Amino acid sequence: MMDAREFLREELLAVAAIVVPTQHPVVTHDPGPVNPGALFDGRAPATVSSVTVETGNPTSTDPAWAVAAAAAALQARGWRAEISPEEAGHHRVVAHHNGFDVTVHAWTTDWRITFTGQTPSTS
C-alpha cells in the first residue's frame, strides 16, 4: 500500500497536471517526515510530511480560474474543497481528504500556482 507521503505527492502532481496540462509540475519542497511538536507538546513519535508542487502557464494569468480548476479537480478525486474569498490578489482553495490537508495558492501578480499539502499526523 502507498504510504501517506507518497499518496500526497502523487495527488498534488496529478491535480497540478490537470489544472495546467501543457506544463510539467515540479516538486519544490519534500523534506520527508518531520516531527512538528516533539519539544512542545509531548508528541515525540508523531510525524507529518509536507509536500509542495508548483506549476503554471506564463501565457495564462487568471488566478481565479486556476483556483477554481484546482478545486474542481480535487473534488473529482474525492477531496472536500472550498474556495476562499480573494484577498489583495491572493486566490486560494483549501481541501481535506481523510486527514490530509491541501492548500492551493495563486496570485494576480504571478503566473505560478502552488499546491501545498500535509499528511495526517502519525505515531
N, C-alpha and C. Protein backbone atom coordinates (compact mmCIF):
# COMPACT_ATOMS: atom_id res chain seq x y z
N MET A 1 0.84 -1.19 0.00
CA MET A 1 0.00 0.00 0.00
C MET A 1 0.89 1.26 0.00
N MET A 2 0.43 2.27 -0.67
CA MET A 2 1.17 3.53 -0.79
C MET A 2 1.19 4.23 0.56
N ASP A 3 2.35 4.73 0.98
CA ASP A 3 2.38 5.45 2.25
C ASP A 3 1.80 6.86 2.08
N ALA A 4 1.54 7.52 3.19
CA ALA A 4 0.84 8.81 3.19
C ALA A 4 1.60 9.88 2.41
N ARG A 5 2.90 9.94 2.59
CA ARG A 5 3.70 10.96 1.91
C ARG A 5 3.66 10.76 0.40
N GLU A 6 3.80 9.53 -0.04
CA GLU A 6 3.77 9.23 -1.47
C GLU A 6 2.38 9.51 -2.05
N PHE A 7 1.31 9.16 -1.31
CA PHE A 7 -0.05 9.45 -1.76
C PHE A 7 -0.23 10.96 -1.95
N LEU A 8 0.19 11.75 -0.96
CA LEU A 8 0.05 13.20 -1.05
C LEU A 8 0.81 13.76 -2.24
N ARG A 9 2.02 13.33 -2.40
CA ARG A 9 2.86 13.80 -3.51
C ARG A 9 2.19 13.49 -4.85
N GLU A 10 1.71 12.28 -5.02
CA GLU A 10 1.06 11.87 -6.27
C GLU A 10 -0.23 12.65 -6.51
N GLU A 11 -1.00 12.91 -5.46
CA GLU A 11 -2.22 13.70 -5.61
C GLU A 11 -1.91 15.13 -6.06
N LEU A 12 -0.92 15.75 -5.43
CA LEU A 12 -0.56 17.12 -5.80
C LEU A 12 -0.07 17.19 -7.24
N LEU A 13 0.76 16.24 -7.64
CA LEU A 13 1.25 16.22 -9.02
C LEU A 13 0.11 15.99 -10.01
N ALA A 14 -0.81 15.11 -9.68
CA ALA A 14 -1.93 14.81 -10.58
C ALA A 14 -2.85 16.01 -10.74
N VAL A 15 -3.19 16.67 -9.64
CA VAL A 15 -4.08 17.83 -9.72
C VAL A 15 -3.40 18.97 -10.45
N ALA A 16 -2.12 19.20 -10.19
CA ALA A 16 -1.39 20.26 -10.90
C ALA A 16 -1.38 19.99 -12.40
N ALA A 17 -1.21 18.74 -12.79
CA ALA A 17 -1.20 18.39 -14.21
C ALA A 17 -2.58 18.58 -14.85
N ILE A 18 -3.63 18.38 -14.08
CA ILE A 18 -4.99 18.61 -14.58
C ILE A 18 -5.22 20.11 -14.79
N VAL A 19 -4.78 20.92 -13.84
CA VAL A 19 -5.01 22.37 -13.90
C VAL A 19 -4.22 23.01 -15.03
N VAL A 20 -2.98 22.58 -15.22
CA VAL A 20 -2.13 23.14 -16.29
C VAL A 20 -1.57 21.97 -17.11
N PRO A 21 -2.38 21.42 -18.01
CA PRO A 21 -1.95 20.22 -18.73
C PRO A 21 -0.80 20.46 -19.72
N THR A 22 -0.51 21.70 -20.05
CA THR A 22 0.56 21.99 -21.00
C THR A 22 1.94 22.09 -20.34
N GLN A 23 2.00 21.98 -19.03
CA GLN A 23 3.27 22.09 -18.30
C GLN A 23 3.49 20.85 -17.45
N HIS A 24 4.73 20.64 -17.03
CA HIS A 24 5.05 19.54 -16.12
C HIS A 24 5.21 20.11 -14.72
N PRO A 25 4.36 19.69 -13.78
CA PRO A 25 4.50 20.19 -12.41
C PRO A 25 5.82 19.75 -11.80
N VAL A 26 6.31 20.56 -10.87
CA VAL A 26 7.60 20.31 -10.23
C VAL A 26 7.43 20.26 -8.72
N VAL A 27 8.00 19.27 -8.08
CA VAL A 27 8.03 19.20 -6.62
C VAL A 27 9.12 20.17 -6.16
N THR A 28 8.72 21.18 -5.39
CA THR A 28 9.70 22.18 -4.95
C THR A 28 10.05 22.05 -3.47
N HIS A 29 9.29 21.20 -2.75
CA HIS A 29 9.56 21.01 -1.32
C HIS A 29 9.05 19.64 -0.91
N ASP A 30 9.93 18.80 -0.40
CA ASP A 30 9.55 17.47 0.10
C ASP A 30 10.66 16.97 1.02
N PRO A 31 10.71 17.54 2.23
CA PRO A 31 11.81 17.19 3.12
C PRO A 31 11.69 15.83 3.80
N GLY A 32 10.58 15.15 3.62
CA GLY A 32 10.37 13.89 4.30
C GLY A 32 9.64 14.11 5.61
N PRO A 33 9.39 13.04 6.34
CA PRO A 33 8.65 13.18 7.61
C PRO A 33 9.40 14.06 8.61
N VAL A 34 8.66 14.91 9.27
CA VAL A 34 9.23 15.76 10.32
C VAL A 34 8.40 15.60 11.58
N ASN A 35 8.98 15.97 12.69
CA ASN A 35 8.32 15.86 13.98
C ASN A 35 8.00 17.27 14.45
N PRO A 36 6.78 17.78 14.16
CA PRO A 36 6.49 19.19 14.40
C PRO A 36 6.33 19.59 15.86
N GLY A 37 6.05 18.68 16.76
CA GLY A 37 5.76 19.10 18.12
C GLY A 37 6.52 18.37 19.20
N ALA A 38 7.60 17.71 18.85
CA ALA A 38 8.30 16.88 19.83
C ALA A 38 8.74 17.64 21.07
N LEU A 39 9.22 18.84 20.90
CA LEU A 39 9.74 19.58 22.04
C LEU A 39 8.67 20.40 22.76
N PHE A 40 7.47 20.48 22.18
CA PHE A 40 6.48 21.40 22.72
C PHE A 40 5.26 20.75 23.35
N ASP A 41 4.78 19.66 22.80
CA ASP A 41 3.53 19.12 23.31
C ASP A 41 3.56 17.63 23.61
N GLY A 42 4.72 17.03 23.65
CA GLY A 42 4.81 15.65 24.05
C GLY A 42 4.52 14.63 22.96
N ARG A 43 4.30 15.06 21.73
CA ARG A 43 4.03 14.11 20.66
C ARG A 43 5.35 13.63 20.05
N ALA A 44 6.28 13.20 20.85
CA ALA A 44 7.61 12.85 20.37
C ALA A 44 7.60 11.90 19.17
N PRO A 45 6.79 10.86 19.14
CA PRO A 45 6.86 9.97 17.98
C PRO A 45 6.02 10.43 16.78
N ALA A 46 5.22 11.47 16.95
CA ALA A 46 4.32 11.91 15.87
C ALA A 46 5.10 12.59 14.76
N THR A 47 4.76 12.27 13.52
CA THR A 47 5.39 12.91 12.37
C THR A 47 4.33 13.30 11.34
N VAL A 48 4.68 14.28 10.53
CA VAL A 48 3.88 14.67 9.37
C VAL A 48 4.84 14.87 8.21
N SER A 49 4.30 14.81 7.01
CA SER A 49 5.08 15.15 5.82
C SER A 49 4.40 16.31 5.13
N SER A 50 5.19 17.22 4.61
CA SER A 50 4.69 18.36 3.88
C SER A 50 5.32 18.34 2.49
N VAL A 51 4.49 18.53 1.46
CA VAL A 51 4.96 18.49 0.09
C VAL A 51 4.42 19.72 -0.63
N THR A 52 5.26 20.35 -1.46
CA THR A 52 4.83 21.48 -2.27
C THR A 52 5.15 21.19 -3.73
N VAL A 53 4.17 21.47 -4.59
CA VAL A 53 4.31 21.30 -6.04
C VAL A 53 3.95 22.63 -6.68
N GLU A 54 4.70 23.01 -7.71
CA GLU A 54 4.39 24.24 -8.43
C GLU A 54 4.24 23.95 -9.91
N THR A 55 3.39 24.73 -10.54
CA THR A 55 3.22 24.69 -11.98
C THR A 55 2.69 26.05 -12.41
N GLY A 56 2.38 26.19 -13.65
CA GLY A 56 1.81 27.44 -14.15
C GLY A 56 2.06 27.59 -15.63
N ASN A 57 1.34 28.49 -16.21
CA ASN A 57 1.49 28.78 -17.63
C ASN A 57 1.72 30.27 -17.77
N PRO A 58 2.91 30.69 -18.17
CA PRO A 58 3.21 32.13 -18.24
C PRO A 58 2.33 32.90 -19.21
N THR A 59 1.65 32.22 -20.12
CA THR A 59 0.78 32.92 -21.07
C THR A 59 -0.66 32.99 -20.59
N SER A 60 -0.96 32.36 -19.46
CA SER A 60 -2.33 32.38 -18.92
C SER A 60 -2.26 32.80 -17.45
N THR A 61 -2.68 34.02 -17.17
CA THR A 61 -2.54 34.54 -15.81
C THR A 61 -3.90 34.86 -15.20
N ASP A 62 -4.74 33.87 -15.07
CA ASP A 62 -6.05 34.04 -14.45
C ASP A 62 -6.10 33.22 -13.17
N PRO A 63 -5.66 33.79 -12.05
CA PRO A 63 -5.58 33.01 -10.81
C PRO A 63 -6.94 32.53 -10.31
N ALA A 64 -7.99 33.28 -10.52
CA ALA A 64 -9.32 32.83 -10.08
C ALA A 64 -9.71 31.57 -10.83
N TRP A 65 -9.44 31.52 -12.13
CA TRP A 65 -9.74 30.33 -12.91
C TRP A 65 -8.89 29.17 -12.43
N ALA A 66 -7.60 29.39 -12.18
CA ALA A 66 -6.70 28.32 -11.76
C ALA A 66 -7.16 27.71 -10.44
N VAL A 67 -7.56 28.54 -9.50
CA VAL A 67 -8.02 28.05 -8.21
C VAL A 67 -9.33 27.29 -8.36
N ALA A 68 -10.23 27.78 -9.18
CA ALA A 68 -11.50 27.08 -9.43
C ALA A 68 -11.24 25.73 -10.10
N ALA A 69 -10.31 25.69 -11.04
CA ALA A 69 -9.96 24.44 -11.71
C ALA A 69 -9.34 23.46 -10.72
N ALA A 70 -8.50 23.95 -9.82
CA ALA A 70 -7.90 23.09 -8.80
C ALA A 70 -8.97 22.54 -7.87
N ALA A 71 -9.91 23.37 -7.45
CA ALA A 71 -10.99 22.91 -6.58
C ALA A 71 -11.80 21.82 -7.27
N ALA A 72 -12.14 22.03 -8.54
CA ALA A 72 -12.91 21.03 -9.29
C ALA A 72 -12.14 19.72 -9.43
N ALA A 73 -10.84 19.81 -9.71
CA ALA A 73 -10.01 18.60 -9.85
C ALA A 73 -9.91 17.85 -8.53
N LEU A 74 -9.73 18.58 -7.45
CA LEU A 74 -9.66 17.94 -6.13
C LEU A 74 -10.99 17.27 -5.79
N GLN A 75 -12.09 17.95 -6.02
CA GLN A 75 -13.41 17.37 -5.74
C GLN A 75 -13.65 16.12 -6.57
N ALA A 76 -13.24 16.13 -7.82
CA ALA A 76 -13.41 14.96 -8.68
C ALA A 76 -12.60 13.77 -8.17
N ARG A 77 -11.55 14.04 -7.40
CA ARG A 77 -10.70 12.99 -6.85
C ARG A 77 -11.11 12.62 -5.41
N GLY A 78 -12.24 13.16 -4.93
CA GLY A 78 -12.75 12.77 -3.62
C GLY A 78 -12.41 13.70 -2.47
N TRP A 79 -11.83 14.85 -2.75
CA TRP A 79 -11.48 15.82 -1.72
C TRP A 79 -12.65 16.76 -1.47
N ARG A 80 -12.78 17.26 -0.23
CA ARG A 80 -13.72 18.35 0.08
C ARG A 80 -12.93 19.64 -0.11
N ALA A 81 -13.35 20.45 -1.06
CA ALA A 81 -12.60 21.67 -1.39
C ALA A 81 -13.48 22.89 -1.26
N GLU A 82 -12.89 23.96 -0.74
CA GLU A 82 -13.61 25.22 -0.58
C GLU A 82 -12.73 26.37 -1.04
N ILE A 83 -13.27 27.18 -1.94
CA ILE A 83 -12.54 28.35 -2.42
C ILE A 83 -12.72 29.49 -1.43
N SER A 84 -11.61 30.06 -0.99
CA SER A 84 -11.64 31.19 -0.06
C SER A 84 -11.85 32.49 -0.84
N PRO A 85 -12.42 33.50 -0.19
CA PRO A 85 -12.55 34.80 -0.87
C PRO A 85 -11.17 35.36 -1.23
N GLU A 86 -11.09 36.03 -2.35
CA GLU A 86 -9.84 36.65 -2.79
C GLU A 86 -9.44 37.74 -1.80
N GLU A 87 -8.15 37.79 -1.48
CA GLU A 87 -7.62 38.79 -0.54
C GLU A 87 -6.42 39.47 -1.18
N ALA A 88 -6.56 40.70 -1.58
CA ALA A 88 -5.46 41.51 -2.13
C ALA A 88 -4.70 40.78 -3.23
N GLY A 89 -5.43 40.17 -4.15
CA GLY A 89 -4.79 39.48 -5.25
C GLY A 89 -4.37 38.05 -4.98
N HIS A 90 -4.64 37.55 -3.79
CA HIS A 90 -4.30 36.17 -3.41
C HIS A 90 -5.55 35.31 -3.52
N HIS A 91 -5.49 34.29 -4.36
CA HIS A 91 -6.60 33.35 -4.56
C HIS A 91 -6.19 32.03 -3.94
N ARG A 92 -7.15 31.37 -3.26
CA ARG A 92 -6.78 30.17 -2.50
C ARG A 92 -7.94 29.19 -2.45
N VAL A 93 -7.62 27.92 -2.48
CA VAL A 93 -8.59 26.86 -2.21
C VAL A 93 -7.98 25.97 -1.13
N VAL A 94 -8.81 25.54 -0.20
CA VAL A 94 -8.39 24.65 0.87
C VAL A 94 -9.16 23.35 0.70
N ALA A 95 -8.47 22.22 0.82
CA ALA A 95 -9.13 20.92 0.62
C ALA A 95 -8.69 19.94 1.70
N HIS A 96 -9.59 18.99 1.99
CA HIS A 96 -9.34 17.97 3.02
C HIS A 96 -9.80 16.61 2.49
N HIS A 97 -9.06 15.57 2.89
CA HIS A 97 -9.42 14.20 2.49
C HIS A 97 -8.77 13.22 3.46
N ASN A 98 -9.57 12.56 4.25
CA ASN A 98 -9.08 11.53 5.17
C ASN A 98 -7.90 11.99 6.03
N GLY A 99 -7.97 13.20 6.55
CA GLY A 99 -6.92 13.72 7.42
C GLY A 99 -5.81 14.46 6.69
N PHE A 100 -5.79 14.40 5.37
CA PHE A 100 -4.82 15.15 4.58
C PHE A 100 -5.37 16.56 4.36
N ASP A 101 -4.48 17.54 4.31
CA ASP A 101 -4.86 18.93 4.06
C ASP A 101 -4.05 19.45 2.88
N VAL A 102 -4.73 20.17 1.99
CA VAL A 102 -4.08 20.77 0.82
C VAL A 102 -4.54 22.21 0.70
N THR A 103 -3.62 23.09 0.36
CA THR A 103 -3.94 24.48 0.04
C THR A 103 -3.32 24.80 -1.31
N VAL A 104 -4.12 25.42 -2.17
CA VAL A 104 -3.65 25.84 -3.49
C VAL A 104 -3.65 27.36 -3.49
N HIS A 105 -2.52 27.94 -3.91
CA HIS A 105 -2.36 29.39 -3.93
C HIS A 105 -2.09 29.87 -5.35
N ALA A 106 -2.71 31.00 -5.71
CA ALA A 106 -2.42 31.68 -6.97
C ALA A 106 -2.57 33.18 -6.73
N TRP A 107 -1.75 33.98 -7.39
CA TRP A 107 -1.75 35.42 -7.18
C TRP A 107 -1.94 36.15 -8.51
N THR A 108 -2.55 37.31 -8.44
CA THR A 108 -2.74 38.11 -9.66
C THR A 108 -1.41 38.64 -10.19
N THR A 109 -0.38 38.69 -9.37
CA THR A 109 0.92 39.23 -9.77
C THR A 109 1.90 38.15 -10.23
N ASP A 110 1.47 36.89 -10.31
CA ASP A 110 2.38 35.80 -10.64
C ASP A 110 1.62 34.74 -11.43
N TRP A 111 2.25 34.10 -12.36
CA TRP A 111 1.59 33.07 -13.16
C TRP A 111 1.71 31.68 -12.54
N ARG A 112 2.52 31.55 -11.51
CA ARG A 112 2.68 30.23 -10.87
C ARG A 112 1.49 29.88 -9.98
N ILE A 113 1.24 28.60 -9.85
CA ILE A 113 0.23 28.06 -8.95
C ILE A 113 0.96 27.11 -8.00
N THR A 114 0.73 27.27 -6.71
CA THR A 114 1.42 26.48 -5.71
C THR A 114 0.43 25.57 -5.01
N PHE A 115 0.75 24.29 -4.93
CA PHE A 115 -0.06 23.27 -4.27
C PHE A 115 0.74 22.76 -3.07
N THR A 116 0.25 22.99 -1.87
CA THR A 116 0.96 22.56 -0.67
C THR A 116 0.06 21.64 0.13
N GLY A 117 0.61 20.52 0.57
CA GLY A 117 -0.18 19.57 1.33
C GLY A 117 0.56 19.03 2.52
N GLN A 118 -0.23 18.51 3.47
CA GLN A 118 0.34 17.90 4.66
C GLN A 118 -0.39 16.60 4.96
N THR A 119 0.36 15.61 5.34
CA THR A 119 -0.22 14.31 5.70
C THR A 119 -0.81 14.37 7.10
N PRO A 120 -1.66 13.41 7.42
CA PRO A 120 -2.13 13.33 8.81
C PRO A 120 -0.94 13.00 9.73
N SER A 121 -1.07 13.36 10.98
CA SER A 121 -0.04 13.05 11.97
C SER A 121 -0.07 11.55 12.25
N THR A 122 1.12 10.94 12.25
CA THR A 122 1.23 9.51 12.54
C THR A 122 2.18 9.29 13.71
N SER A 123 1.98 8.24 14.42
CA SER A 123 2.87 7.91 15.54
C SER A 123 3.81 6.80 15.18
